[in-house]
PDB file of N, CA and C in Angstrom:
ATOM      1  N   MET A   1      43.430 157.586 -54.177  1.00  0.00           N
ATOM      2  CA  MET A   1      43.504 156.743 -55.359  1.00  0.00           C
ATOM      3  C   MET A   1      43.626 155.282 -54.912  1.00  0.00           C
ATOM      4  N   PRO A   2      42.753 154.394 -55.422  1.00  0.00           N
ATOM      5  CA  PRO A   2      42.829 152.989 -55.024  1.00  0.00           C
ATOM      6  C   PRO A   2      44.077 152.320 -55.583  1.00  0.00           C
ATOM      7  N   ARG A   3      44.604 151.428 -54.815  1.00  0.00           N
ATOM      8  CA  ARG A   3      45.772 150.659 -55.251  1.00  0.00           C
ATOM      9  C   ARG A   3      45.294 149.475 -56.083  1.00  0.00           C
ATOM     10  N   VAL A   4      45.831 149.325 -57.268  1.00  0.00           N
ATOM     11  CA  VAL A   4      45.429 148.238 -58.155  1.00  0.00           C
ATOM     12  C   VAL A   4      46.546 147.216 -58.208  1.00  0.00           C
ATOM     13  N   LEU A   5      46.227 146.011 -57.774  1.00  0.00           N
ATOM     14  CA  LEU A   5      47.192 144.925 -57.864  1.00  0.00           C
ATOM     15  C   LEU A   5      47.130 144.336 -59.264  1.00  0.00           C
ATOM     16  N   ASP A   6      48.279 144.130 -59.848  1.00  0.00           N
ATOM     17  CA  ASP A   6      48.358 143.508 -61.171  1.00  0.00           C
ATOM     18  C   ASP A   6      47.662 144.331 -62.265  1.00  0.00           C
ATOM     19  N   PRO A   7      47.980 145.627 -62.371  1.00  0.00           N
ATOM     20  CA  PRO A   7      47.309 146.456 -63.383  1.00  0.00           C
ATOM     21  C   PRO A   7      47.559 145.993 -64.815  1.00  0.00           C
ATOM     22  N   GLU A   8      48.627 145.282 -65.041  1.00  0.00           N
ATOM     23  CA  GLU A   8      48.927 144.786 -66.401  1.00  0.00           C
ATOM     24  C   GLU A   8      48.190 143.500 -66.715  1.00  0.00           C
ATOM     25  N   GLY A   9      47.556 142.886 -65.717  1.00  0.00           N
ATOM     26  CA  GLY A   9      46.840 141.638 -65.942  1.00  0.00           C
ATOM     27  C   GLY A   9      47.741 140.422 -66.048  1.00  0.00           C
ATOM     28  N   ALA A  10      48.956 140.509 -65.535  1.00  0.00           N
ATOM     29  CA  ALA A  10      49.913 139.395 -65.648  1.00  0.00           C
ATOM     30  C   ALA A  10      49.455 138.158 -64.884  1.00  0.00           C
ATOM     31  N   HIS A  11      48.849 138.352 -63.718  1.00  0.00           N
ATOM     32  CA  HIS A  11      48.417 137.186 -62.932  1.00  0.00           C
ATOM     33  C   HIS A  11      47.292 136.439 -63.635  1.00  0.00           C
ATOM     34  N   LEU A  12      46.325 137.185 -64.134  1.00  0.00           N
ATOM     35  CA  LEU A  12      45.232 136.554 -64.869  1.00  0.00           C
ATOM     36  C   LEU A  12      45.744 135.880 -66.137  1.00  0.00           C
ATOM     37  N   ALA A  13      46.648 136.534 -66.836  1.00  0.00           N
ATOM     38  CA  ALA A  13      47.222 135.938 -68.045  1.00  0.00           C
ATOM     39  C   ALA A  13      47.949 134.638 -67.726  1.00  0.00           C
ATOM     40  N   ALA A  14      48.669 134.615 -66.613  1.00  0.00           N
ATOM     41  CA  ALA A  14      49.370 133.392 -66.209  1.00  0.00           C
ATOM     42  C   ALA A  14      48.375 132.280 -65.910  1.00  0.00           C
ATOM     43  N   LEU A  15      47.299 132.605 -65.220  1.00  0.00           N
ATOM     44  CA  LEU A  15      46.270 131.594 -64.940  1.00  0.00           C
ATOM     45  C   LEU A  15      45.662 131.058 -66.231  1.00  0.00           C
ATOM     46  N   ARG A  16      45.397 131.947 -67.167  1.00  0.00           N
ATOM     47  CA  ARG A  16      44.805 131.525 -68.441  1.00  0.00           C
ATOM     48  C   ARG A  16      45.761 130.666 -69.261  1.00  0.00           C
ATOM     49  N   ARG A  17      47.075 130.881 -69.117  1.00  0.00           N
ATOM     50  CA  ARG A  17      48.030 130.007 -69.797  1.00  0.00           C
ATOM     51  C   ARG A  17      48.020 128.611 -69.187  1.00  0.00           C
ATOM     52  N   LEU A  18      47.748 128.523 -67.903  1.00  0.00           N
ATOM     53  CA  LEU A  18      47.738 127.242 -67.211  1.00  0.00           C
ATOM     54  C   LEU A  18      46.417 126.494 -67.340  1.00  0.00           C
ATOM     55  N   GLN A  19      45.329 127.237 -67.506  1.00  0.00           N
ATOM     56  CA  GLN A  19      44.004 126.615 -67.493  1.00  0.00           C
ATOM     57  C   GLN A  19      43.054 127.342 -68.441  1.00  0.00           C
ATOM     58  N   ASP A  20      42.343 126.590 -69.248  1.00  0.00           N
ATOM     59  CA  ASP A  20      41.279 127.158 -70.068  1.00  0.00           C
ATOM     60  C   ASP A  20      39.998 127.130 -69.237  1.00  0.00           C
ATOM     61  N   PHE A  21      39.479 128.291 -68.902  1.00  0.00           N
ATOM     62  CA  PHE A  21      38.289 128.396 -68.054  1.00  0.00           C
ATOM     63  C   PHE A  21      36.984 128.301 -68.846  1.00  0.00           C
ATOM     64  N   THR A  22      37.065 128.176 -70.152  1.00  0.00           N
ATOM     65  CA  THR A  22      35.880 128.184 -70.999  1.00  0.00           C
ATOM     66  C   THR A  22      34.901 127.077 -70.593  1.00  0.00           C
ATOM     67  N   GLY A  23      33.712 127.501 -70.188  1.00  0.00           N
ATOM     68  CA  GLY A  23      32.648 126.565 -69.828  1.00  0.00           C
ATOM     69  C   GLY A  23      32.847 125.836 -68.513  1.00  0.00           C
ATOM     70  N   ALA A  24      33.878 126.174 -67.763  1.00  0.00           N
ATOM     71  CA  ALA A  24      34.195 125.442 -66.531  1.00  0.00           C
ATOM     72  C   ALA A  24      33.394 125.957 -65.331  1.00  0.00           C
ATOM     73  N   ARG A  25      33.173 125.044 -64.398  1.00  0.00           N
ATOM     74  CA  ARG A  25      32.619 125.394 -63.084  1.00  0.00           C
ATOM     75  C   ARG A  25      33.826 125.616 -62.183  1.00  0.00           C
ATOM     76  N   VAL A  26      34.015 126.849 -61.743  1.00  0.00           N
ATOM     77  CA  VAL A  26      35.233 127.243 -61.031  1.00  0.00           C
ATOM     78  C   VAL A  26      34.906 127.613 -59.595  1.00  0.00           C
ATOM     79  N   VAL A  27      35.758 127.186 -58.675  1.00  0.00           N
ATOM     80  CA  VAL A  27      35.693 127.676 -57.304  1.00  0.00           C
ATOM     81  C   VAL A  27      36.986 128.445 -57.052  1.00  0.00           C
ATOM     82  N   GLU A  28      36.847 129.659 -56.542  1.00  0.00           N
ATOM     83  CA  GLU A  28      37.999 130.505 -56.245  1.00  0.00           C
ATOM     84  C   GLU A  28      38.132 130.614 -54.731  1.00  0.00           C
ATOM     85  N   VAL A  29      39.139 129.974 -54.203  1.00  0.00           N
ATOM     86  CA  VAL A  29      39.400 129.940 -52.759  1.00  0.00           C
ATOM     87  C   VAL A  29      40.173 131.193 -52.375  1.00  0.00           C
ATOM     88  N   GLY A  30      39.647 131.949 -51.423  1.00  0.00           N
ATOM     89  CA  GLY A  30      40.337 133.155 -50.986  1.00  0.00           C
ATOM     90  C   GLY A  30      40.299 134.240 -52.036  1.00  0.00           C
ATOM     91  N   CYS A  31      39.112 134.599 -52.491  1.00  0.00           N
ATOM     92  CA  CYS A  31      38.969 135.570 -53.581  1.00  0.00           C
ATOM     93  C   CYS A  31      39.322 136.995 -53.174  1.00  0.00           C
ATOM     94  N   GLY A  32      39.365 137.270 -51.882  1.00  0.00           N
ATOM     95  CA  GLY A  32      39.669 138.626 -51.429  1.00  0.00           C
ATOM     96  C   GLY A  32      38.703 139.623 -52.018  1.00  0.00           C
ATOM     97  N   ASP A  33      39.225 140.709 -52.565  1.00  0.00           N
ATOM     98  CA  ASP A  33      38.369 141.743 -53.139  1.00  0.00           C
ATOM     99  C   ASP A  33      37.975 141.465 -54.587  1.00  0.00           C
ATOM    100  N   GLY A  34      38.210 140.242 -55.048  1.00  0.00           N
ATOM    101  CA  GLY A  34      37.753 139.834 -56.375  1.00  0.00           C
ATOM    102  C   GLY A  34      38.612 140.286 -57.533  1.00  0.00           C
ATOM    103  N   ARG A  35      39.885 140.498 -57.286  1.00  0.00           N
ATOM    104  CA  ARG A  35      40.746 141.024 -58.341  1.00  0.00           C
ATOM    105  C   ARG A  35      40.839 140.093 -59.550  1.00  0.00           C
ATOM    106  N   LEU A  36      40.714 138.786 -59.360  1.00  0.00           N
ATOM    107  CA  LEU A  36      40.803 137.832 -60.466  1.00  0.00           C
ATOM    108  C   LEU A  36      39.442 137.328 -60.951  1.00  0.00           C
ATOM    109  N   THR A  37      38.443 137.433 -60.104  1.00  0.00           N
ATOM    110  CA  THR A  37      37.145 136.817 -60.381  1.00  0.00           C
ATOM    111  C   THR A  37      36.520 137.228 -61.707  1.00  0.00           C
ATOM    112  N   PRO A  38      36.414 138.512 -62.037  1.00  0.00           N
ATOM    113  CA  PRO A  38      35.780 138.869 -63.318  1.00  0.00           C
ATOM    114  C   PRO A  38      36.505 138.290 -64.533  1.00  0.00           C
ATOM    115  N   GLY A  39      37.817 138.280 -64.497  1.00  0.00           N
ATOM    116  CA  GLY A  39      38.581 137.735 -65.614  1.00  0.00           C
ATOM    117  C   GLY A  39      38.383 136.246 -65.792  1.00  0.00           C
ATOM    118  N   ILE A  40      38.190 135.544 -64.704  1.00  0.00           N
ATOM    119  CA  ILE A  40      37.894 134.109 -64.759  1.00  0.00           C
ATOM    120  C   ILE A  40      36.472 133.910 -65.256  1.00  0.00           C
ATOM    121  N   ALA A  41      35.538 134.694 -64.709  1.00  0.00           N
ATOM    122  CA  ALA A  41      34.118 134.547 -65.030  1.00  0.00           C
ATOM    123  C   ALA A  41      33.784 134.877 -66.477  1.00  0.00           C
ATOM    124  N   GLU A  42      34.615 135.681 -67.129  1.00  0.00           N
ATOM    125  CA  GLU A  42      34.369 136.020 -68.543  1.00  0.00           C
ATOM    126  C   GLU A  42      34.244 134.767 -69.404  1.00  0.00           C
ATOM    127  N   ARG A  43      34.975 133.727 -69.036  1.00  0.00           N
ATOM    128  CA  ARG A  43      35.001 132.501 -69.853  1.00  0.00           C
ATOM    129  C   ARG A  43      34.324 131.310 -69.169  1.00  0.00           C
ATOM    130  N   ALA A  44      34.228 131.348 -67.859  1.00  0.00           N
ATOM    131  CA  ALA A  44      33.693 130.212 -67.100  1.00  0.00           C
ATOM    132  C   ALA A  44      32.174 130.139 -67.196  1.00  0.00           C
ATOM    133  N   ALA A  45      31.644 128.943 -66.980  1.00  0.00           N
ATOM    134  CA  ALA A  45      30.190 128.778 -66.892  1.00  0.00           C
ATOM    135  C   ALA A  45      29.685 129.372 -65.589  1.00  0.00           C
ATOM    136  N   SER A  46      30.456 129.143 -64.510  1.00  0.00           N
ATOM    137  CA  SER A  46      30.087 129.675 -63.202  1.00  0.00           C
ATOM    138  C   SER A  46      31.329 129.771 -62.330  1.00  0.00           C
ATOM    139  N   VAL A  47      31.276 130.699 -61.372  1.00  0.00           N
ATOM    140  CA  VAL A  47      32.358 130.871 -60.407  1.00  0.00           C
ATOM    141  C   VAL A  47      31.745 131.029 -59.024  1.00  0.00           C
ATOM    142  N   LEU A  48      32.173 130.206 -58.098  1.00  0.00           N
ATOM    143  CA  LEU A  48      31.879 130.393 -56.682  1.00  0.00           C
ATOM    144  C   LEU A  48      33.156 130.931 -56.073  1.00  0.00           C
ATOM    145  N   ALA A  49      33.126 132.182 -55.641  1.00  0.00           N
ATOM    146  CA  ALA A  49      34.299 132.835 -55.080  1.00  0.00           C
ATOM    147  C   ALA A  49      34.026 133.119 -53.605  1.00  0.00           C
ATOM    148  N   PHE A  50      34.946 132.704 -52.736  1.00  0.00           N
ATOM    149  CA  PHE A  50      34.699 132.919 -51.312  1.00  0.00           C
ATOM    150  C   PHE A  50      35.961 133.340 -50.584  1.00  0.00           C
ATOM    151  N   ASP A  51      35.730 133.997 -49.463  1.00  0.00           N
ATOM    152  CA  ASP A  51      36.810 134.496 -48.624  1.00  0.00           C
ATOM    153  C   ASP A  51      36.234 134.726 -47.232  1.00  0.00           C
ATOM    154  N   PRO A  52      37.015 134.535 -46.182  1.00  0.00           N
ATOM    155  CA  PRO A  52      36.492 134.791 -44.834  1.00  0.00           C
ATOM    156  C   PRO A  52      36.408 136.277 -44.478  1.00  0.00           C
ATOM    157  N   ASP A  53      36.997 137.151 -45.279  1.00  0.00           N
ATOM    158  CA  ASP A  53      37.002 138.586 -45.000  1.00  0.00           C
ATOM    159  C   ASP A  53      35.733 139.230 -45.571  1.00  0.00           C
ATOM    160  N   GLU A  54      34.806 139.540 -44.698  1.00  0.00           N
ATOM    161  CA  GLU A  54      33.509 140.082 -45.114  1.00  0.00           C
ATOM    162  C   GLU A  54      33.639 141.403 -45.876  1.00  0.00           C
ATOM    163  N   ASP A  55      34.540 142.270 -45.439  1.00  0.00           N
ATOM    164  CA  ASP A  55      34.732 143.552 -46.126  1.00  0.00           C
ATOM    165  C   ASP A  55      35.277 143.354 -47.536  1.00  0.00           C
ATOM    166  N   ALA A  56      36.220 142.437 -47.684  1.00  0.00           N
ATOM    167  CA  ALA A  56      36.790 142.172 -49.010  1.00  0.00           C
ATOM    168  C   ALA A  56      35.728 141.612 -49.950  1.00  0.00           C
ATOM    169  N   VAL A  57      34.905 140.701 -49.461  1.00  0.00           N
ATOM    170  CA  VAL A  57      33.850 140.126 -50.299  1.00  0.00           C
ATOM    171  C   VAL A  57      32.827 141.198 -50.680  1.00  0.00           C
ATOM    172  N   ALA A  58      32.528 142.107 -49.777  1.00  0.00           N
ATOM    173  CA  ALA A  58      31.613 143.210 -50.100  1.00  0.00           C
ATOM    174  C   ALA A  58      32.190 144.067 -51.220  1.00  0.00           C
ATOM    175  N   LYS A  59      33.491 144.325 -51.187  1.00  0.00           N
ATOM    176  CA  LYS A  59      34.144 145.087 -52.255  1.00  0.00           C
ATOM    177  C   LYS A  59      34.085 144.331 -53.577  1.00  0.00           C
ATOM    178  N   ALA A  60      34.299 143.021 -53.508  1.00  0.00           N
ATOM    179  CA  ALA A  60      34.248 142.195 -54.718  1.00  0.00           C
ATOM    180  C   ALA A  60      32.858 142.243 -55.342  1.00  0.00           C
ATOM    181  N   ARG A  61      31.842 142.098 -54.508  1.00  0.00           N
ATOM    182  CA  ARG A  61      30.459 142.149 -55.019  1.00  0.00           C
ATOM    183  C   ARG A  61      30.163 143.494 -55.674  1.00  0.00           C
ATOM    184  N   ALA A  62      30.597 144.558 -55.039  1.00  0.00           N
ATOM    185  CA  ALA A  62      30.325 145.909 -55.543  1.00  0.00           C
ATOM    186  C   ALA A  62      31.040 146.179 -56.868  1.00  0.00           C
ATOM    187  N   ALA A  63      32.196 145.568 -57.061  1.00  0.00           N
ATOM    188  CA  ALA A  63      32.995 145.820 -58.266  1.00  0.00           C
ATOM    189  C   ALA A  63      32.653 144.892 -59.432  1.00  0.00           C
ATOM    190  N   LEU A  64      31.868 143.867 -59.191  1.00  0.00           N
ATOM    191  CA  LEU A  64      31.563 142.902 -60.251  1.00  0.00           C
ATOM    192  C   LEU A  64      30.694 143.549 -61.335  1.00  0.00           C
ATOM    193  N   PRO A  65      31.129 143.481 -62.586  1.00  0.00           N
ATOM    194  CA  PRO A  65      30.315 144.030 -63.674  1.00  0.00           C
ATOM    195  C   PRO A  65      28.958 143.326 -63.752  1.00  0.00           C
ATOM    196  N   ASP A  66      27.914 144.081 -64.020  1.00  0.00           N
ATOM    197  CA  ASP A  66      26.557 143.528 -64.110  1.00  0.00           C
ATOM    198  C   ASP A  66      26.466 142.366 -65.094  1.00  0.00           C
ATOM    199  N   ALA A  67      27.224 142.438 -66.171  1.00  0.00           N
ATOM    200  CA  ALA A  67      27.178 141.390 -67.198  1.00  0.00           C
ATOM    201  C   ALA A  67      27.635 140.026 -66.668  1.00  0.00           C
ATOM    202  N   LEU A  68      28.390 140.013 -65.575  1.00  0.00           N
ATOM    203  CA  LEU A  68      28.893 138.754 -65.019  1.00  0.00           C
ATOM    204  C   LEU A  68      28.124 138.294 -63.787  1.00  0.00           C
ATOM    205  N   ALA A  69      27.149 139.070 -63.362  1.00  0.00           N
ATOM    206  CA  ALA A  69      26.429 138.775 -62.116  1.00  0.00           C
ATOM    207  C   ALA A  69      25.754 137.397 -62.127  1.00  0.00           C
ATOM    208  N   GLY A  70      25.299 136.942 -63.271  1.00  0.00           N
ATOM    209  CA  GLY A  70      24.648 135.637 -63.358  1.00  0.00           C
ATOM    210  C   GLY A  70      25.603 134.461 -63.281  1.00  0.00           C
ATOM    211  N   ARG A  71      26.887 134.719 -63.413  1.00  0.00           N
ATOM    212  CA  ARG A  71      27.879 133.636 -63.400  1.00  0.00           C
ATOM    213  C   ARG A  71      28.636 133.535 -62.078  1.00  0.00           C
ATOM    214  N   VAL A  72      28.624 134.593 -61.278  1.00  0.00           N
ATOM    215  CA  VAL A  72      29.460 134.647 -60.080  1.00  0.00           C
ATOM    216  C   VAL A  72      28.610 134.657 -58.818  1.00  0.00           C
ATOM    217  N   THR A  73      28.990 133.808 -57.881  1.00  0.00           N
ATOM    218  CA  THR A  73      28.411 133.818 -56.550  1.00  0.00           C
ATOM    219  C   THR A  73      29.535 134.086 -55.568  1.00  0.00           C
ATOM    220  N   TYR A  74      29.384 135.127 -54.765  1.00  0.00           N
ATOM    221  CA  TYR A  74      30.356 135.432 -53.714  1.00  0.00           C
ATOM    222  C   TYR A  74      29.793 134.970 -52.382  1.00  0.00           C
ATOM    223  N   ARG A  75      30.661 134.378 -51.560  1.00  0.00           N
ATOM    224  CA  ARG A  75      30.263 133.976 -50.207  1.00  0.00           C
ATOM    225  C   ARG A  75      31.347 134.347 -49.222  1.00  0.00           C
ATOM    226  N   VAL A  76      30.925 134.690 -48.024  1.00  0.00           N
ATOM    227  CA  VAL A  76      31.846 134.900 -46.918  1.00  0.00           C
ATOM    228  C   VAL A  76      31.936 133.567 -46.196  1.00  0.00           C
ATOM    229  N   ASP A  77      33.098 132.943 -46.294  1.00  0.00           N
ATOM    230  CA  ASP A  77      33.289 131.624 -45.676  1.00  0.00           C
ATOM    231  C   ASP A  77      34.764 131.269 -45.727  1.00  0.00           C
ATOM    232  N   SER A  78      35.113 130.223 -45.018  1.00  0.00           N
ATOM    233  CA  SER A  78      36.486 129.712 -45.019  1.00  0.00           C
ATOM    234  C   SER A  78      36.532 128.398 -45.789  1.00  0.00           C
ATOM    235  N   ALA A  79      37.717 128.009 -46.181  1.00  0.00           N
ATOM    236  CA  ALA A  79      37.874 126.748 -46.915  1.00  0.00           C
ATOM    237  C   ALA A  79      37.448 125.558 -46.068  1.00  0.00           C
ATOM    238  N   SER A  80      37.683 125.632 -44.777  1.00  0.00           N
ATOM    239  CA  SER A  80      37.304 124.510 -43.917  1.00  0.00           C
ATOM    240  C   SER A  80      35.819 124.529 -43.570  1.00  0.00           C
ATOM    241  N   GLY A  81      35.147 125.652 -43.755  1.00  0.00           N
ATOM    242  CA  GLY A  81      33.751 125.744 -43.364  1.00  0.00           C
ATOM    243  C   GLY A  81      32.743 125.768 -44.491  1.00  0.00           C
ATOM    244  N   ILE A  82      33.188 125.907 -45.714  1.00  0.00           N
ATOM    245  CA  ILE A  82      32.252 126.121 -46.815  1.00  0.00           C
ATOM    246  C   ILE A  82      31.457 124.869 -47.193  1.00  0.00           C
ATOM    247  N   GLY A  83      32.011 123.697 -46.986  1.00  0.00           N
ATOM    248  CA  GLY A  83      31.265 122.463 -47.223  1.00  0.00           C
ATOM    249  C   GLY A  83      30.932 122.184 -48.672  1.00  0.00           C
ATOM    250  N   LEU A  84      31.925 122.188 -49.531  1.00  0.00           N
ATOM    251  CA  LEU A  84      31.706 121.899 -50.943  1.00  0.00           C
ATOM    252  C   LEU A  84      31.610 120.397 -51.175  1.00  0.00           C
ATOM    253  N   ARG A  85      30.747 120.014 -52.102  1.00  0.00           N
ATOM    254  CA  ARG A  85      30.632 118.599 -52.473  1.00  0.00           C
ATOM    255  C   ARG A  85      31.821 118.200 -53.333  1.00  0.00           C
ATOM    256  N   PRO A  86      32.372 117.024 -53.088  1.00  0.00           N
ATOM    257  CA  PRO A  86      33.473 116.548 -53.939  1.00  0.00           C
ATOM    258  C   PRO A  86      33.039 116.496 -55.408  1.00  0.00           C
ATOM    259  N   SER A  87      33.931 116.855 -56.282  1.00  0.00           N
ATOM    260  CA  SER A  87      33.717 116.826 -57.736  1.00  0.00           C
ATOM    261  C   SER A  87      32.622 117.776 -58.223  1.00  0.00           C
ATOM    262  N   SER A  88      32.286 118.802 -57.448  1.00  0.00           N
ATOM    263  CA  SER A  88      31.244 119.721 -57.893  1.00  0.00           C
ATOM    264  C   SER A  88      31.797 120.876 -58.729  1.00  0.00           C
ATOM    265  N   PHE A  89      33.126 120.916 -58.895  1.00  0.00           N
ATOM    266  CA  PHE A  89      33.770 121.961 -59.698  1.00  0.00           C
ATOM    267  C   PHE A  89      34.792 121.320 -60.623  1.00  0.00           C
ATOM    268  N   ASP A  90      35.036 121.995 -61.730  1.00  0.00           N
ATOM    269  CA  ASP A  90      36.030 121.522 -62.692  1.00  0.00           C
ATOM    270  C   ASP A  90      37.419 122.064 -62.380  1.00  0.00           C
ATOM    271  N   VAL A  91      37.470 123.287 -61.828  1.00  0.00           N
ATOM    272  CA  VAL A  91      38.729 123.986 -61.602  1.00  0.00           C
ATOM    273  C   VAL A  91      38.697 124.659 -60.232  1.00  0.00           C
ATOM    274  N   VAL A  92      39.813 124.574 -59.531  1.00  0.00           N
ATOM    275  CA  VAL A  92      39.988 125.302 -58.273  1.00  0.00           C
ATOM    276  C   VAL A  92      41.103 126.318 -58.471  1.00  0.00           C
ATOM    277  N   VAL A  93      40.806 127.585 -58.147  1.00  0.00           N
ATOM    278  CA  VAL A  93      41.795 128.650 -58.210  1.00  0.00           C
ATOM    279  C   VAL A  93      42.128 129.041 -56.774  1.00  0.00           C
ATOM    280  N   PHE A  94      43.404 129.076 -56.481  1.00  0.00           N
ATOM    281  CA  PHE A  94      43.895 129.352 -55.134  1.00  0.00           C
ATOM    282  C   PHE A  94      45.087 130.263 -55.305  1.00  0.00           C
ATOM    283  N   SER A  95      44.885 131.578 -55.171  1.00  0.00           N
ATOM    284  CA  SER A  95      45.944 132.526 -55.453  1.00  0.00           C
ATOM    285  C   SER A  95      46.147 133.496 -54.298  1.00  0.00           C
ATOM    286  N   TRP A  96      47.353 133.646 -53.846  1.00  0.00           N
ATOM    287  CA  TRP A  96      47.712 134.593 -52.785  1.00  0.00           C
ATOM    288  C   TRP A  96      46.974 134.296 -51.493  1.00  0.00           C
ATOM    289  N   THR A  97      46.680 133.059 -51.204  1.00  0.00           N
ATOM    290  CA  THR A  97      45.907 132.689 -50.030  1.00  0.00           C
ATOM    291  C   THR A  97      46.714 131.754 -49.157  1.00  0.00           C
ATOM    292  N   LEU A  98      46.714 132.057 -47.876  1.00  0.00           N
ATOM    293  CA  LEU A  98      47.391 131.179 -46.913  1.00  0.00           C
ATOM    294  C   LEU A  98      46.399 130.596 -45.965  1.00  0.00           C
TER     295      LEU A  98
END
């Protein structure tokens, strides 16, 4: 049986209380297996989610609902190596990442 982190959705709910993702261009630093990505993408215009763990990103891609595939881009990369342009996103999500 897979272990589900945050089965009640408390982490996503907390993020939504802090930030309205509606129509936003979001970058998710350290997305891991994508536990938050679909919930963010439901309201966002686009999400770039990345993590240096190739296996975790593969799991995230596999679990992403087809309806959100046009809004989410997953990449295997690090924060220091991804090379994002300044001001290219409206919101940065950084959760459980060191």
